[in-house]
Amino acid sequence: MFSKPHIAIVWTVVILGLCSIPRQEMPDGMGSDKLHHFGAFGILGALWYWAKPNPWWVIIGGSLYGLFIEVWQYVMPIGRTFDLYDALADAVGVIVAVPIAHWIWKFIKTYES
């Protein structure tokens, strides 16, 4: 199921949607913003790795997508700003997720046979 890119594509769009919410509509008290970025992009990295198991493609693409999101927030009239630390949290989330996704994929393949 995860070898198809459909879920990864949907999650990619969900991230764009969540990051496009205007600042005044953002709920307060949601915890660490950087942790949210790390987690969302970790999931993104795992889903894309399972769909297209090329770690460099996933890491570079996921990191560039995180940077794109920050530029998107800066240029859109939604009251959000560019935050390099958010982009860094995105990249770290992807980088951490890829080897974990690889390990999970190997584990499942081992017991699938």
N, C-alpha and C. Protein backbone atom coordinates (compact mmCIF):
# COMPACT_ATOMS: atom_id res chain seq x y z
N MET A 1 0.83 -1.20 0.00
CA MET A 1 0.00 0.00 0.00
C MET A 1 0.87 1.26 0.00
N PHE A 2 1.92 1.28 0.79
CA PHE A 2 2.76 2.47 0.88
C PHE A 2 3.70 2.62 -0.30
N SER A 3 3.80 1.57 -1.16
CA SER A 3 4.69 1.66 -2.31
C SER A 3 4.11 2.55 -3.42
N LYS A 4 2.84 2.86 -3.31
CA LYS A 4 2.21 3.78 -4.27
C LYS A 4 2.37 5.21 -3.75
N PRO A 5 2.56 6.18 -4.64
CA PRO A 5 2.80 7.55 -4.16
C PRO A 5 1.55 8.31 -3.72
N HIS A 6 0.37 7.71 -3.82
CA HIS A 6 -0.86 8.44 -3.53
C HIS A 6 -0.89 9.05 -2.13
N ILE A 7 -0.52 8.27 -1.13
CA ILE A 7 -0.56 8.77 0.24
C ILE A 7 0.48 9.87 0.43
N ALA A 8 1.66 9.69 -0.17
CA ALA A 8 2.71 10.72 -0.07
C ALA A 8 2.26 12.01 -0.73
N ILE A 9 1.59 11.91 -1.86
CA ILE A 9 1.10 13.10 -2.56
C ILE A 9 0.06 13.82 -1.70
N VAL A 10 -0.87 13.05 -1.12
CA VAL A 10 -1.90 13.65 -0.28
C VAL A 10 -1.26 14.35 0.92
N TRP A 11 -0.28 13.70 1.57
CA TRP A 11 0.37 14.30 2.73
C TRP A 11 1.13 15.57 2.33
N THR A 12 1.73 15.58 1.15
CA THR A 12 2.43 16.76 0.66
C THR A 12 1.46 17.93 0.53
N VAL A 13 0.28 17.66 0.01
CA VAL A 13 -0.74 18.70 -0.16
C VAL A 13 -1.29 19.13 1.21
N VAL A 14 -1.46 18.18 2.12
CA VAL A 14 -1.94 18.51 3.47
C VAL A 14 -0.98 19.47 4.15
N ILE A 15 0.33 19.21 4.03
CA ILE A 15 1.32 20.11 4.63
C ILE A 15 1.18 21.51 4.05
N LEU A 16 1.05 21.61 2.73
CA LEU A 16 0.89 22.93 2.11
C LEU A 16 -0.36 23.62 2.64
N GLY A 17 -1.44 22.87 2.77
CA GLY A 17 -2.68 23.45 3.30
C GLY A 17 -2.53 23.94 4.73
N LEU A 18 -1.91 23.12 5.57
CA LEU A 18 -1.72 23.51 6.98
C LEU A 18 -0.80 24.72 7.10
N CYS A 19 0.21 24.77 6.27
CA CYS A 19 1.15 25.90 6.32
C CYS A 19 0.61 27.14 5.64
N SER A 20 -0.57 27.03 5.03
CA SER A 20 -1.19 28.18 4.38
C SER A 20 -2.29 28.81 5.23
N ILE A 21 -2.48 28.28 6.42
CA ILE A 21 -3.49 28.85 7.33
C ILE A 21 -3.00 30.22 7.78
N PRO A 22 -3.83 31.25 7.63
CA PRO A 22 -3.41 32.59 8.08
C PRO A 22 -3.07 32.61 9.58
N ARG A 23 -2.12 33.45 9.93
CA ARG A 23 -1.63 33.53 11.31
C ARG A 23 -2.78 33.77 12.30
N GLN A 24 -3.71 34.66 11.97
CA GLN A 24 -4.79 34.97 12.91
C GLN A 24 -5.74 33.80 13.12
N GLU A 25 -5.72 32.81 12.26
CA GLU A 25 -6.58 31.63 12.43
C GLU A 25 -5.86 30.47 13.10
N MET A 26 -4.59 30.66 13.42
CA MET A 26 -3.80 29.60 14.05
C MET A 26 -4.19 29.51 15.53
N PRO A 27 -4.45 28.30 16.02
CA PRO A 27 -4.79 28.17 17.44
C PRO A 27 -3.57 28.41 18.33
N ASP A 28 -3.79 28.94 19.50
CA ASP A 28 -2.71 29.16 20.47
C ASP A 28 -2.50 27.90 21.30
N GLY A 29 -1.32 27.80 21.89
CA GLY A 29 -1.04 26.70 22.80
C GLY A 29 -0.92 25.35 22.15
N MET A 30 -0.41 25.30 20.92
CA MET A 30 -0.29 24.03 20.20
C MET A 30 1.06 23.35 20.43
N GLY A 31 1.89 23.89 21.31
CA GLY A 31 3.18 23.27 21.57
C GLY A 31 4.26 23.82 20.67
N SER A 32 5.31 23.07 20.55
CA SER A 32 6.50 23.49 19.81
C SER A 32 6.28 23.49 18.30
N ASP A 33 6.39 24.65 17.69
CA ASP A 33 6.25 24.79 16.25
C ASP A 33 7.32 23.96 15.52
N LYS A 34 8.53 23.97 16.04
CA LYS A 34 9.62 23.23 15.39
C LYS A 34 9.37 21.72 15.46
N LEU A 35 8.80 21.26 16.56
CA LEU A 35 8.48 19.84 16.68
C LEU A 35 7.38 19.45 15.68
N HIS A 36 6.44 20.34 15.45
CA HIS A 36 5.40 20.07 14.45
C HIS A 36 6.02 19.96 13.06
N HIS A 37 6.93 20.87 12.75
CA HIS A 37 7.61 20.81 11.45
C HIS A 37 8.41 19.51 11.34
N PHE A 38 9.16 19.18 12.37
CA PHE A 38 9.96 17.95 12.38
C PHE A 38 9.07 16.73 12.14
N GLY A 39 7.97 16.64 12.86
CA GLY A 39 7.08 15.50 12.73
C GLY A 39 6.39 15.41 11.38
N ALA A 40 5.87 16.54 10.91
CA ALA A 40 5.16 16.54 9.63
C ALA A 40 6.09 16.15 8.49
N PHE A 41 7.31 16.68 8.52
CA PHE A 41 8.25 16.37 7.45
C PHE A 41 8.91 15.01 7.64
N GLY A 42 8.93 14.52 8.88
CA GLY A 42 9.36 13.14 9.10
C GLY A 42 8.39 12.17 8.44
N ILE A 43 7.11 12.41 8.64
CA ILE A 43 6.09 11.58 7.99
C ILE A 43 6.21 11.71 6.47
N LEU A 44 6.39 12.93 6.00
CA LEU A 44 6.57 13.16 4.56
C LEU A 44 7.75 12.34 4.03
N GLY A 45 8.88 12.41 4.73
CA GLY A 45 10.07 11.67 4.29
C GLY A 45 9.83 10.17 4.25
N ALA A 46 9.18 9.63 5.28
CA ALA A 46 8.90 8.19 5.32
C ALA A 46 7.97 7.78 4.17
N LEU A 47 6.90 8.55 3.98
CA LEU A 47 5.94 8.20 2.93
C LEU A 47 6.58 8.25 1.54
N TRP A 48 7.38 9.28 1.28
CA TRP A 48 8.03 9.37 -0.02
C TRP A 48 9.11 8.31 -0.18
N TYR A 49 9.79 7.96 0.91
CA TYR A 49 10.80 6.89 0.82
C TYR A 49 10.13 5.57 0.47
N TRP A 50 8.99 5.28 1.08
CA TRP A 50 8.30 4.03 0.78
C TRP A 50 7.75 4.03 -0.63
N ALA A 51 7.38 5.19 -1.15
CA ALA A 51 6.85 5.28 -2.51
C ALA A 51 7.97 5.25 -3.55
N LYS A 52 9.06 5.91 -3.26
CA LYS A 52 10.21 6.01 -4.17
C LYS A 52 11.48 5.81 -3.34
N PRO A 53 11.91 4.57 -3.11
CA PRO A 53 13.02 4.33 -2.18
C PRO A 53 14.40 4.77 -2.69
N ASN A 54 14.52 6.06 -2.87
CA ASN A 54 15.81 6.66 -3.21
C ASN A 54 16.10 7.70 -2.13
N PRO A 55 16.95 7.37 -1.15
CA PRO A 55 17.11 8.26 0.00
C PRO A 55 17.57 9.67 -0.37
N TRP A 56 18.46 9.80 -1.33
CA TRP A 56 18.95 11.15 -1.67
C TRP A 56 17.85 11.98 -2.32
N TRP A 57 17.06 11.36 -3.17
CA TRP A 57 15.94 12.06 -3.81
C TRP A 57 14.97 12.55 -2.75
N VAL A 58 14.66 11.69 -1.79
CA VAL A 58 13.70 12.05 -0.73
C VAL A 58 14.25 13.15 0.16
N ILE A 59 15.52 13.03 0.57
CA ILE A 59 16.12 14.03 1.46
C ILE A 59 16.23 15.38 0.77
N ILE A 60 16.72 15.39 -0.46
CA ILE A 60 16.86 16.67 -1.18
C ILE A 60 15.49 17.25 -1.50
N GLY A 61 14.59 16.41 -2.02
CA GLY A 61 13.25 16.90 -2.36
C GLY A 61 12.48 17.38 -1.14
N GLY A 62 12.53 16.63 -0.05
CA GLY A 62 11.82 17.02 1.17
C GLY A 62 12.37 18.30 1.77
N SER A 63 13.70 18.44 1.75
CA SER A 63 14.33 19.65 2.29
C SER A 63 13.99 20.86 1.44
N LEU A 64 14.01 20.70 0.12
CA LEU A 64 13.65 21.81 -0.77
C LEU A 64 12.17 22.17 -0.62
N TYR A 65 11.33 21.17 -0.40
CA TYR A 65 9.91 21.44 -0.18
C TYR A 65 9.72 22.26 1.10
N GLY A 66 10.45 21.93 2.15
CA GLY A 66 10.39 22.70 3.38
C GLY A 66 10.81 24.15 3.16
N LEU A 67 11.85 24.34 2.38
CA LEU A 67 12.30 25.70 2.05
C LEU A 67 11.24 26.42 1.21
N PHE A 68 10.65 25.70 0.26
CA PHE A 68 9.57 26.27 -0.55
C PHE A 68 8.41 26.74 0.33
N ILE A 69 8.04 25.91 1.31
CA ILE A 69 6.93 26.25 2.21
C ILE A 69 7.22 27.56 2.93
N GLU A 70 8.46 27.75 3.37
CA GLU A 70 8.82 28.99 4.07
C GLU A 70 8.74 30.20 3.14
N VAL A 71 9.19 30.05 1.91
CA VAL A 71 9.08 31.14 0.93
C VAL A 71 7.61 31.40 0.64
N TRP A 72 6.83 30.34 0.49
CA TRP A 72 5.38 30.44 0.26
C TRP A 72 4.71 31.26 1.36
N GLN A 73 5.05 30.95 2.61
CA GLN A 73 4.45 31.69 3.73
C GLN A 73 4.86 33.15 3.71
N TYR A 74 6.05 33.43 3.26
CA TYR A 74 6.54 34.81 3.21
C TYR A 74 5.82 35.63 2.13
N VAL A 75 5.60 35.03 0.95
CA VAL A 75 5.04 35.80 -0.17
C VAL A 75 3.51 35.84 -0.16
N MET A 76 2.88 34.89 0.51
CA MET A 76 1.41 34.88 0.54
C MET A 76 0.91 35.89 1.59
N PRO A 77 -0.21 36.55 1.32
CA PRO A 77 -0.74 37.53 2.28
C PRO A 77 -1.53 36.86 3.41
N ILE A 78 -0.83 36.03 4.19
CA ILE A 78 -1.49 35.28 5.26
C ILE A 78 -0.91 35.62 6.64
N GLY A 79 -0.05 36.62 6.69
CA GLY A 79 0.50 37.04 7.97
C GLY A 79 1.56 36.11 8.53
N ARG A 80 2.09 35.24 7.68
CA ARG A 80 3.14 34.31 8.13
C ARG A 80 4.48 34.82 7.61
N THR A 81 5.56 34.36 8.21
CA THR A 81 6.88 34.84 7.85
C THR A 81 7.79 33.68 7.45
N PHE A 82 8.90 34.02 6.83
CA PHE A 82 9.94 33.05 6.51
C PHE A 82 10.72 32.76 7.79
N ASP A 83 10.88 31.49 8.13
CA ASP A 83 11.63 31.10 9.32
C ASP A 83 12.61 30.01 8.92
N LEU A 84 13.89 30.37 8.87
CA LEU A 84 14.92 29.42 8.47
C LEU A 84 14.97 28.23 9.42
N TYR A 85 14.66 28.44 10.70
CA TYR A 85 14.67 27.34 11.66
C TYR A 85 13.52 26.35 11.41
N ASP A 86 12.41 26.83 10.87
CA ASP A 86 11.34 25.91 10.46
C ASP A 86 11.83 25.04 9.31
N ALA A 87 12.49 25.67 8.33
CA ALA A 87 13.03 24.92 7.19
C ALA A 87 14.07 23.90 7.67
N LEU A 88 14.86 24.27 8.65
CA LEU A 88 15.85 23.35 9.20
C LEU A 88 15.17 22.19 9.92
N ALA A 89 14.12 22.47 10.67
CA ALA A 89 13.36 21.40 11.34
C ALA A 89 12.73 20.47 10.31
N ASP A 90 12.26 21.03 9.19
CA ASP A 90 11.71 20.21 8.11
C ASP A 90 12.77 19.27 7.56
N ALA A 91 13.95 19.82 7.26
CA ALA A 91 15.03 19.01 6.69
C ALA A 91 15.49 17.93 7.67
N VAL A 92 15.62 18.28 8.93
CA VAL A 92 16.05 17.29 9.93
C VAL A 92 15.00 16.19 10.07
N GLY A 93 13.73 16.56 10.01
CA GLY A 93 12.66 15.56 10.08
C GLY A 93 12.77 14.55 8.95
N VAL A 94 13.01 15.03 7.74
CA VAL A 94 13.16 14.14 6.60
C VAL A 94 14.41 13.28 6.74
N ILE A 95 15.51 13.90 7.13
CA ILE A 95 16.78 13.18 7.26
C ILE A 95 16.69 12.07 8.30
N VAL A 96 16.03 12.33 9.41
CA VAL A 96 15.88 11.33 10.46
C VAL A 96 14.91 10.22 10.02
N ALA A 97 13.87 10.59 9.28
CA ALA A 97 12.84 9.62 8.91
C ALA A 97 13.30 8.61 7.86
N VAL A 98 14.17 9.02 6.96
CA VAL A 98 14.55 8.13 5.85
C VAL A 98 15.20 6.83 6.35
N PRO A 99 16.20 6.87 7.21
CA PRO A 99 16.76 5.58 7.66
C PRO A 99 15.78 4.77 8.51
N ILE A 100 14.92 5.45 9.25
CA ILE A 100 13.90 4.73 10.03
C ILE A 100 12.92 4.05 9.08
N ALA A 101 12.49 4.76 8.05
CA ALA A 101 11.58 4.19 7.05
C ALA A 101 12.24 3.01 6.34
N HIS A 102 13.53 3.14 6.06
CA HIS A 102 14.26 2.04 5.41
C HIS A 102 14.28 0.82 6.32
N TRP A 103 14.56 1.01 7.60
CA TRP A 103 14.59 -0.10 8.55
C TRP A 103 13.21 -0.77 8.65
N ILE A 104 12.16 0.03 8.73
CA ILE A 104 10.80 -0.51 8.81
C ILE A 104 10.48 -1.29 7.55
N TRP A 105 10.85 -0.75 6.39
CA TRP A 105 10.60 -1.40 5.10
C TRP A 105 11.31 -2.76 5.05
N LYS A 106 12.58 -2.80 5.49
CA LYS A 106 13.33 -4.07 5.50
C LYS A 106 12.70 -5.05 6.48
N PHE A 107 12.28 -4.57 7.64
CA PHE A 107 11.65 -5.42 8.65
C PHE A 107 10.38 -6.06 8.10
N ILE A 108 9.56 -5.26 7.46
CA ILE A 108 8.31 -5.77 6.90
C ILE A 108 8.58 -6.76 5.78
N LYS A 109 9.53 -6.46 4.92
CA LYS A 109 9.89 -7.35 3.80
C LYS A 109 10.42 -8.68 4.33
N THR A 110 11.16 -8.65 5.44
CA THR A 110 11.72 -9.88 6.02
C THR A 110 10.61 -10.81 6.49
N TYR A 111 9.59 -10.27 7.10
CA TYR A 111 8.52 -11.09 7.67
C TYR A 111 7.34 -11.26 6.73
N GLU A 112 7.41 -10.62 5.57
CA GLU A 112 6.34 -10.74 4.59
C GLU A 112 6.46 -12.05 3.81
N SER A 113 7.67 -12.53 3.66
CA SER A 113 7.91 -13.74 2.84
C SER A 113 7.49 -15.00 3.51
